[in-house]
Amino acid sequence: MPKTMIAITVISLTFLAGCASNIENVQRETARSIGGDVMPSSVIVKDIDRHATSVNWSAETPKGAYVCSADDMMRRVLCVKKPTTP
């Protein structure tokens, strides 16, 4: 039983460590998708919605608000600018 608890603890810590870096990955990939002079540190990520094979999120940047999506490995990122309402 103690070995099982240790294994669960290690797996949990690994998962949490991975989640901590995911925000930075999402910021970087959002900035890369938008292009131009958008720096990852200027991207504010909101509403991350993870699915088995995809990830969706909203982002606020100096260039405006975007809706983004990617596959589960953060490849093929697509960010579309939200229209501004008058």
PDB file of N, CA and C in Angstrom:
ATOM      1  N   MET A   1       0.819  -1.211   0.000  1.00  0.00           N
ATOM      2  CA  MET A   1       0.000   0.000   0.000  1.00  0.00           C
ATOM      3  C   MET A   1       0.857   1.267   0.000  1.00  0.00           C
ATOM      4  N   PRO A   2       1.919   1.380   0.786  1.00  0.00           N
ATOM      5  CA  PRO A   2       2.716   2.603   0.762  1.00  0.00           C
ATOM      6  C   PRO A   2       3.329   2.885  -0.616  1.00  0.00           C
ATOM      7  N   LYS A   3       3.728   1.837  -1.355  1.00  0.00           N
ATOM      8  CA  LYS A   3       4.292   2.060  -2.686  1.00  0.00           C
ATOM      9  C   LYS A   3       3.249   2.658  -3.617  1.00  0.00           C
ATOM     10  N   THR A   4       2.008   2.230  -3.470  1.00  0.00           N
ATOM     11  CA  THR A   4       0.925   2.766  -4.287  1.00  0.00           C
ATOM     12  C   THR A   4       0.713   4.247  -3.980  1.00  0.00           C
ATOM     13  N   MET A   5       0.739   4.610  -2.721  1.00  0.00           N
ATOM     14  CA  MET A   5       0.554   6.013  -2.326  1.00  0.00           C
ATOM     15  C   MET A   5       1.701   6.876  -2.847  1.00  0.00           C
ATOM     16  N   ILE A   6       2.920   6.347  -2.802  1.00  0.00           N
ATOM     17  CA  ILE A   6       4.063   7.097  -3.316  1.00  0.00           C
ATOM     18  C   ILE A   6       3.916   7.302  -4.815  1.00  0.00           C
ATOM     19  N   ALA A   7       3.507   6.255  -5.515  1.00  0.00           N
ATOM     20  CA  ALA A   7       3.320   6.365  -6.963  1.00  0.00           C
ATOM     21  C   ALA A   7       2.248   7.390  -7.306  1.00  0.00           C
ATOM     22  N   ILE A   8       1.160   7.369  -6.580  1.00  0.00           N
ATOM     23  CA  ILE A   8       0.076   8.339  -6.821  1.00  0.00           C
ATOM     24  C   ILE A   8       0.566   9.752  -6.551  1.00  0.00           C
ATOM     25  N   THR A   9       1.333   9.934  -5.503  1.00  0.00           N
ATOM     26  CA  THR A   9       1.869  11.256  -5.165  1.00  0.00           C
ATOM     27  C   THR A   9       2.801  11.753  -6.257  1.00  0.00           C
ATOM     28  N   VAL A  10       3.684  10.897  -6.742  1.00  0.00           N
ATOM     29  CA  VAL A  10       4.618  11.286  -7.796  1.00  0.00           C
ATOM     30  C   VAL A  10       3.862  11.656  -9.072  1.00  0.00           C
ATOM     31  N   ILE A  11       2.889  10.852  -9.433  1.00  0.00           N
ATOM     32  CA  ILE A  11       2.094  11.141 -10.632  1.00  0.00           C
ATOM     33  C   ILE A  11       1.347  12.459 -10.470  1.00  0.00           C
ATOM     34  N   SER A  12       0.782  12.701  -9.308  1.00  0.00           N
ATOM     35  CA  SER A  12       0.047  13.950  -9.055  1.00  0.00           C
ATOM     36  C   SER A  12       0.963  15.154  -9.155  1.00  0.00           C
ATOM     37  N   LEU A  13       2.146  15.061  -8.569  1.00  0.00           N
ATOM     38  CA  LEU A  13       3.087  16.181  -8.620  1.00  0.00           C
ATOM     39  C   LEU A  13       3.568  16.439 -10.040  1.00  0.00           C
ATOM     40  N   THR A  14       3.781  15.373 -10.790  1.00  0.00           N
ATOM     41  CA  THR A  14       4.187  15.520 -12.187  1.00  0.00           C
ATOM     42  C   THR A  14       3.089  16.212 -12.978  1.00  0.00           C
ATOM     43  N   PHE A  15       1.845  15.816 -12.750  1.00  0.00           N
ATOM     44  CA  PHE A  15       0.710  16.434 -13.441  1.00  0.00           C
ATOM     45  C   PHE A  15       0.611  17.912 -13.094  1.00  0.00           C
ATOM     46  N   LEU A  16       0.745  18.258 -11.822  1.00  0.00           N
ATOM     47  CA  LEU A  16       0.656  19.647 -11.405  1.00  0.00           C
ATOM     48  C   LEU A  16       1.797  20.475 -11.978  1.00  0.00           C
ATOM     49  N   ALA A  17       2.979  19.908 -12.031  1.00  0.00           N
ATOM     50  CA  ALA A  17       4.114  20.627 -12.616  1.00  0.00           C
ATOM     51  C   ALA A  17       3.869  20.882 -14.092  1.00  0.00           C
ATOM     52  N   GLY A  18       3.278  19.910 -14.789  1.00  0.00           N
ATOM     53  CA  GLY A  18       2.952  20.086 -16.201  1.00  0.00           C
ATOM     54  C   GLY A  18       1.915  21.171 -16.412  1.00  0.00           C
ATOM     55  N   CYS A  19       0.932  21.243 -15.533  1.00  0.00           N
ATOM     56  CA  CYS A  19      -0.106  22.268 -15.641  1.00  0.00           C
ATOM     57  C   CYS A  19       0.476  23.656 -15.437  1.00  0.00           C
ATOM     58  N   ALA A  20       1.442  23.774 -14.558  1.00  0.00           N
ATOM     59  CA  ALA A  20       2.051  25.074 -14.287  1.00  0.00           C
ATOM     60  C   ALA A  20       2.715  25.635 -15.536  1.00  0.00           C
ATOM     61  N   SER A  21       3.302  24.782 -16.351  1.00  0.00           N
ATOM     62  CA  SER A  21       3.971  25.268 -17.553  1.00  0.00           C
ATOM     63  C   SER A  21       3.002  25.437 -18.713  1.00  0.00           C
ATOM     64  N   ASN A  22       1.812  24.886 -18.635  1.00  0.00           N
ATOM     65  CA  ASN A  22       0.874  24.974 -19.742  1.00  0.00           C
ATOM     66  C   ASN A  22       0.441  26.402 -20.047  1.00  0.00           C
ATOM     67  N   ILE A  23       0.286  27.227 -19.036  1.00  0.00           N
ATOM     68  CA  ILE A  23      -0.098  28.625 -19.282  1.00  0.00           C
ATOM     69  C   ILE A  23       0.969  29.310 -20.127  1.00  0.00           C
ATOM     70  N   GLU A  24       2.231  29.102 -19.784  1.00  0.00           N
ATOM     71  CA  GLU A  24       3.312  29.698 -20.562  1.00  0.00           C
ATOM     72  C   GLU A  24       3.304  29.168 -21.991  1.00  0.00           C
ATOM     73  N   ASN A  25       3.038  27.884 -22.161  1.00  0.00           N
ATOM     74  CA  ASN A  25       2.956  27.311 -23.502  1.00  0.00           C
ATOM     75  C   ASN A  25       1.814  27.939 -24.295  1.00  0.00           C
ATOM     76  N   VAL A  26       0.671  28.095 -23.650  1.00  0.00           N
ATOM     77  CA  VAL A  26      -0.498  28.691 -24.327  1.00  0.00           C
ATOM     78  C   VAL A  26      -0.196  30.141 -24.687  1.00  0.00           C
ATOM     79  N   GLN A  27       0.430  30.882 -23.786  1.00  0.00           N
ATOM     80  CA  GLN A  27       0.795  32.267 -24.091  1.00  0.00           C
ATOM     81  C   GLN A  27       1.752  32.328 -25.279  1.00  0.00           C
ATOM     82  N   ARG A  28       2.761  31.484 -25.282  1.00  0.00           N
ATOM     83  CA  ARG A  28       3.755  31.468 -26.355  1.00  0.00           C
ATOM     84  C   ARG A  28       3.106  31.114 -27.694  1.00  0.00           C
ATOM     85  N   GLU A  29       2.282  30.071 -27.706  1.00  0.00           N
ATOM     86  CA  GLU A  29       1.658  29.644 -28.959  1.00  0.00           C
ATOM     87  C   GLU A  29       0.619  30.647 -29.449  1.00  0.00           C
ATOM     88  N   THR A  30      -0.055  31.328 -28.531  1.00  0.00           N
ATOM     89  CA  THR A  30      -0.992  32.382 -28.926  1.00  0.00           C
ATOM     90  C   THR A  30      -0.244  33.515 -29.605  1.00  0.00           C
ATOM     91  N   ALA A  31       0.839  33.961 -28.977  1.00  0.00           N
ATOM     92  CA  ALA A  31       1.643  35.042 -29.561  1.00  0.00           C
ATOM     93  C   ALA A  31       2.191  34.631 -30.922  1.00  0.00           C
ATOM     94  N   ARG A  32       2.639  33.402 -31.044  1.00  0.00           N
ATOM     95  CA  ARG A  32       3.176  32.908 -32.316  1.00  0.00           C
ATOM     96  C   ARG A  32       2.087  32.890 -33.390  1.00  0.00           C
ATOM     97  N   SER A  33       0.875  32.467 -33.024  1.00  0.00           N
ATOM     98  CA  SER A  33      -0.220  32.400 -33.990  1.00  0.00           C
ATOM     99  C   SER A  33      -0.643  33.790 -34.453  1.00  0.00           C
ATOM    100  N   ILE A  34      -0.696  34.739 -33.526  1.00  0.00           N
ATOM    101  CA  ILE A  34      -1.110  36.103 -33.875  1.00  0.00           C
ATOM    102  C   ILE A  34      -0.034  36.787 -34.707  1.00  0.00           C
ATOM    103  N   GLY A  35       1.214  36.563 -34.334  1.00  0.00           N
ATOM    104  CA  GLY A  35       2.326  37.128 -35.085  1.00  0.00           C
ATOM    105  C   GLY A  35       2.599  38.578 -34.745  1.00  0.00           C
ATOM    106  N   GLY A  36       3.401  39.193 -35.578  1.00  0.00           N
ATOM    107  CA  GLY A  36       3.767  40.586 -35.354  1.00  0.00           C
ATOM    108  C   GLY A  36       4.650  40.744 -34.137  1.00  0.00           C
ATOM    109  N   ASP A  37       4.393  41.782 -33.378  1.00  0.00           N
ATOM    110  CA  ASP A  37       5.235  42.096 -32.226  1.00  0.00           C
ATOM    111  C   ASP A  37       4.598  41.684 -30.897  1.00  0.00           C
ATOM    112  N   VAL A  38       3.651  40.743 -30.916  1.00  0.00           N
ATOM    113  CA  VAL A  38       3.004  40.297 -29.685  1.00  0.00           C
ATOM    114  C   VAL A  38       3.969  39.400 -28.918  1.00  0.00           C
ATOM    115  N   MET A  39       4.270  39.787 -27.705  1.00  0.00           N
ATOM    116  CA  MET A  39       5.156  39.012 -26.837  1.00  0.00           C
ATOM    117  C   MET A  39       4.310  38.077 -25.973  1.00  0.00           C
ATOM    118  N   PRO A  40       4.784  36.858 -25.725  1.00  0.00           N
ATOM    119  CA  PRO A  40       4.029  35.921 -24.880  1.00  0.00           C
ATOM    120  C   PRO A  40       3.657  36.514 -23.516  1.00  0.00           C
ATOM    121  N   SER A  41       4.533  37.316 -22.952  1.00  0.00           N
ATOM    122  CA  SER A  41       4.255  37.890 -21.629  1.00  0.00           C
ATOM    123  C   SER A  41       3.108  38.899 -21.650  1.00  0.00           C
ATOM    124  N   SER A  42       2.738  39.390 -22.850  1.00  0.00           N
ATOM    125  CA  SER A  42       1.636  40.354 -22.946  1.00  0.00           C
ATOM    126  C   SER A  42       0.295  39.685 -23.232  1.00  0.00           C
ATOM    127  N   VAL A  43       0.288  38.346 -23.325  1.00  0.00           N
ATOM    128  CA  VAL A  43      -0.941  37.602 -23.612  1.00  0.00           C
ATOM    129  C   VAL A  43      -1.593  37.178 -22.302  1.00  0.00           C
ATOM    130  N   ILE A  44      -2.852  37.528 -22.127  1.00  0.00           N
ATOM    131  CA  ILE A  44      -3.630  37.105 -20.960  1.00  0.00           C
ATOM    132  C   ILE A  44      -4.575  36.010 -21.428  1.00  0.00           C
ATOM    133  N   VAL A  45      -4.367  34.805 -20.897  1.00  0.00           N
ATOM    134  CA  VAL A  45      -5.149  33.642 -21.300  1.00  0.00           C
ATOM    135  C   VAL A  45      -6.334  33.478 -20.370  1.00  0.00           C
ATOM    136  N   LYS A  46      -7.516  33.227 -20.951  1.00  0.00           N
ATOM    137  CA  LYS A  46      -8.740  33.050 -20.175  1.00  0.00           C
ATOM    138  C   LYS A  46      -9.501  31.835 -20.676  1.00  0.00           C
ATOM    139  N   ASP A  47     -10.306  31.276 -19.827  1.00  0.00           N
ATOM    140  CA  ASP A  47     -11.281  30.243 -20.210  1.00  0.00           C
ATOM    141  C   ASP A  47     -10.672  29.064 -20.968  1.00  0.00           C
ATOM    142  N   ILE A  48      -9.613  28.472 -20.431  1.00  0.00           N
ATOM    143  CA  ILE A  48      -9.035  27.293 -21.076  1.00  0.00           C
ATOM    144  C   ILE A  48     -10.011  26.133 -20.913  1.00  0.00           C
ATOM    145  N   ASP A  49     -10.340  25.512 -22.032  1.00  0.00           N
ATOM    146  CA  ASP A  49     -11.277  24.388 -22.055  1.00  0.00           C
ATOM    147  C   ASP A  49     -10.575  23.209 -22.721  1.00  0.00           C
ATOM    148  N   ARG A  50     -10.140  22.252 -21.902  1.00  0.00           N
ATOM    149  CA  ARG A  50      -9.393  21.105 -22.408  1.00  0.00           C
ATOM    150  C   ARG A  50     -10.334  19.943 -22.693  1.00  0.00           C
ATOM    151  N   HIS A  51     -10.135  19.320 -23.830  1.00  0.00           N
ATOM    152  CA  HIS A  51     -10.866  18.120 -24.217  1.00  0.00           C
ATOM    153  C   HIS A  51      -9.846  17.016 -24.474  1.00  0.00           C
ATOM    154  N   ALA A  52     -10.307  15.834 -24.802  1.00  0.00           N
ATOM    155  CA  ALA A  52      -9.396  14.705 -25.026  1.00  0.00           C
ATOM    156  C   ALA A  52      -8.431  14.970 -26.173  1.00  0.00           C
ATOM    157  N   THR A  53      -8.886  15.618 -27.220  1.00  0.00           N
ATOM    158  CA  THR A  53      -8.024  15.825 -28.390  1.00  0.00           C
ATOM    159  C   THR A  53      -7.876  17.278 -28.812  1.00  0.00           C
ATOM    160  N   SER A  54      -8.370  18.218 -27.994  1.00  0.00           N
ATOM    161  CA  SER A  54      -8.269  19.628 -28.373  1.00  0.00           C
ATOM    162  C   SER A  54      -8.260  20.529 -27.141  1.00  0.00           C
ATOM    163  N   VAL A  55      -7.851  21.766 -27.376  1.00  0.00           N
ATOM    164  CA  VAL A  55      -7.838  22.798 -26.341  1.00  0.00           C
ATOM    165  C   VAL A  55      -8.402  24.067 -26.963  1.00  0.00           C
ATOM    166  N   ASN A  56      -9.282  24.747 -26.245  1.00  0.00           N
ATOM    167  CA  ASN A  56      -9.847  26.023 -26.685  1.00  0.00           C
ATOM    168  C   ASN A  56      -9.621  27.047 -25.583  1.00  0.00           C
ATOM    169  N   TRP A  57      -9.406  28.311 -25.947  1.00  0.00           N
ATOM    170  CA  TRP A  57      -9.217  29.362 -24.953  1.00  0.00           C
ATOM    171  C   TRP A  57      -9.470  30.726 -25.577  1.00  0.00           C
ATOM    172  N   SER A  58      -9.591  31.705 -24.709  1.00  0.00           N
ATOM    173  CA  SER A  58      -9.702  33.109 -25.113  1.00  0.00           C
ATOM    174  C   SER A  58      -8.420  33.804 -24.688  1.00  0.00           C
ATOM    175  N   ALA A  59      -8.050  34.841 -25.410  1.00  0.00           N
ATOM    176  CA  ALA A  59      -6.826  35.569 -25.087  1.00  0.00           C
ATOM    177  C   ALA A  59      -7.034  37.060 -25.300  1.00  0.00           C
ATOM    178  N   GLU A  60      -6.496  37.829 -24.377  1.00  0.00           N
ATOM    179  CA  GLU A  60      -6.458  39.287 -24.503  1.00  0.00           C
ATOM    180  C   GLU A  60      -5.019  39.664 -24.812  1.00  0.00           C
ATOM    181  N   THR A  61      -4.831  40.467 -25.867  1.00  0.00           N
ATOM    182  CA  THR A  61      -3.490  40.888 -26.263  1.00  0.00           C
ATOM    183  C   THR A  61      -3.507  42.379 -26.560  1.00  0.00           C
ATOM    184  N   PRO A  62      -2.331  42.981 -26.723  1.00  0.00           N
ATOM    185  CA  PRO A  62      -2.318  44.394 -27.125  1.00  0.00           C
ATOM    186  C   PRO A  62      -2.981  44.630 -28.483  1.00  0.00           C
ATOM    187  N   LYS A  63      -3.093  43.580 -29.301  1.00  0.00           N
ATOM    188  CA  LYS A  63      -3.736  43.708 -30.612  1.00  0.00           C
ATOM    189  C   LYS A  63      -5.228  43.433 -30.568  1.00  0.00           C
ATOM    190  N   GLY A  64      -5.768  43.106 -29.383  1.00  0.00           N
ATOM    191  CA  GLY A  64      -7.194  42.841 -29.251  1.00  0.00           C
ATOM    192  C   GLY A  64      -7.478  41.490 -28.629  1.00  0.00           C
ATOM    193  N   ALA A  65      -8.759  41.118 -28.653  1.00  0.00           N
ATOM    194  CA  ALA A  65      -9.205  39.856 -28.067  1.00  0.00           C
ATOM    195  C   ALA A  65      -9.291  38.787 -29.154  1.00  0.00           C
ATOM    196  N   TYR A  66      -8.907  37.568 -28.790  1.00  0.00           N
ATOM    197  CA  TYR A  66      -8.887  36.455 -29.729  1.00  0.00           C
ATOM    198  C   TYR A  66      -9.546  35.232 -29.128  1.00  0.00           C
ATOM    199  N   VAL A  67     -10.078  34.380 -30.004  1.00  0.00           N
ATOM    200  CA  VAL A  67     -10.559  33.049 -29.641  1.00  0.00           C
ATOM    201  C   VAL A  67      -9.599  32.084 -30.328  1.00  0.00           C
ATOM    202  N   CYS A  68      -9.040  31.154 -29.541  1.00  0.00           N
ATOM    203  CA  CYS A  68      -8.006  30.271 -30.077  1.00  0.00           C
ATOM    204  C   CYS A  68      -8.357  28.808 -29.848  1.00  0.00           C
ATOM    205  N   SER A  69      -7.764  27.961 -30.669  1.00  0.00           N
ATOM    206  CA  SER A  69      -7.926  26.518 -30.507  1.00  0.00           C
ATOM    207  C   SER A  69      -6.663  25.829 -31.009  1.00  0.00           C
ATOM    208  N   ALA A  70      -6.472  24.597 -30.528  1.00  0.00           N
ATOM    209  CA  ALA A  70      -5.323  23.788 -30.943  1.00  0.00           C
ATOM    210  C   ALA A  70      -5.636  22.333 -30.650  1.00  0.00           C
ATOM    211  N   ASP A  71      -4.781  21.444 -31.165  1.00  0.00           N
ATOM    212  CA  ASP A  71      -4.946  20.053 -30.782  1.00  0.00           C
ATOM    213  C   ASP A  71      -4.387  19.860 -29.374  1.00  0.00           C
ATOM    214  N   ASP A  72      -4.516  18.671 -28.842  1.00  0.00           N
ATOM    215  CA  ASP A  72      -4.125  18.424 -27.459  1.00  0.00           C
ATOM    216  C   ASP A  72      -2.636  18.596 -27.207  1.00  0.00           C
ATOM    217  N   MET A  73      -1.808  18.593 -28.231  1.00  0.00           N
ATOM    218  CA  MET A  73      -0.366  18.768 -28.076  1.00  0.00           C
ATOM    219  C   MET A  73       0.072  20.207 -28.388  1.00  0.00           C
ATOM    220  N   MET A  74      -0.876  21.120 -28.479  1.00  0.00           N
ATOM    221  CA  MET A  74      -0.643  22.534 -28.766  1.00  0.00           C
ATOM    222  C   MET A  74       0.040  22.737 -30.118  1.00  0.00           C
ATOM    223  N   ARG A  75      -0.350  21.918 -31.083  1.00  0.00           N
ATOM    224  CA  ARG A  75       0.094  22.117 -32.459  1.00  0.00           C
ATOM    225  C   ARG A  75      -1.103  22.663 -33.231  1.00  0.00           C
ATOM    226  N   ARG A  76      -0.846  23.150 -34.401  1.00  0.00           N
ATOM    227  CA  ARG A  76      -1.911  23.678 -35.252  1.00  0.00           C
ATOM    228  C   ARG A  76      -2.787  24.692 -34.503  1.00  0.00           C
ATOM    229  N   VAL A  77      -2.150  25.652 -33.894  1.00  0.00           N
ATOM    230  CA  VAL A  77      -2.866  26.690 -33.160  1.00  0.00           C
ATOM    231  C   VAL A  77      -3.502  27.663 -34.145  1.00  0.00           C
ATOM    232  N   LEU A  78      -4.747  27.989 -33.897  1.00  0.00           N
ATOM    233  CA  LEU A  78      -5.478  28.953 -34.707  1.00  0.00           C
ATOM    234  C   LEU A  78      -6.116  29.973 -33.785  1.00  0.00           C
ATOM    235  N   CYS A  79      -5.768  31.234 -33.969  1.00  0.00           N
ATOM    236  CA  CYS A  79      -6.372  32.320 -33.190  1.00  0.00           C
ATOM    237  C   CYS A  79      -7.096  33.262 -34.147  1.00  0.00           C
ATOM    238  N   VAL A  80      -8.351  33.529 -33.843  1.00  0.00           N
ATOM    239  CA  VAL A  80      -9.190  34.397 -34.663  1.00  0.00           C
ATOM    240  C   VAL A  80      -9.589  35.593 -33.820  1.00  0.00           C
ATOM    241  N   LYS A  81      -9.386  36.761 -34.376  1.00  0.00           N
ATOM    242  CA  LYS A  81      -9.696  37.999 -33.640  1.00  0.00           C
ATOM    243  C   LYS A  81     -11.201  38.145 -33.473  1.00  0.00           C
ATOM    244  N   LYS A  82     -11.613  38.474 -32.256  1.00  0.00           N
ATOM    245  CA  LYS A  82     -13.032  38.731 -31.990  1.00  0.00           C
ATOM    246  C   LYS A  82     -13.384  40.085 -32.588  1.00  0.00           C
ATOM    247  N   PRO A  83     -14.541  40.177 -33.208  1.00  0.00           N
ATOM    248  CA  PRO A  83     -14.933  41.480 -33.756  1.00  0.00           C
ATOM    249  C   PRO A  83     -15.213  42.470 -32.629  1.00  0.00           C
ATOM    250  N   THR A  84     -14.857  43.700 -32.870  1.00  0.00           N
ATOM    251  CA  THR A  84     -15.143  44.753 -31.891  1.00  0.00           C
ATOM    252  C   THR A  84     -16.542  45.279 -32.124  1.00  0.00           C
ATOM    253  N   THR A  85     -17.262  45.472 -31.036  1.00  0.00           N
ATOM    254  CA  THR A  85     -18.624  45.991 -31.152  1.00  0.00           C
ATOM    255  C   THR A  85     -18.608  47.505 -30.941  1.00  0.00           C
ATOM    256  N   PRO A  86     -19.317  48.238 -31.785  1.00  0.00           N
ATOM    257  CA  PRO A  86     -19.323  49.713 -31.665  1.00  0.00           C
ATOM    258  C   PRO A  86     -20.048  50.193 -30.440  1.00  0.00           C
TER     259      PRO A  86
END
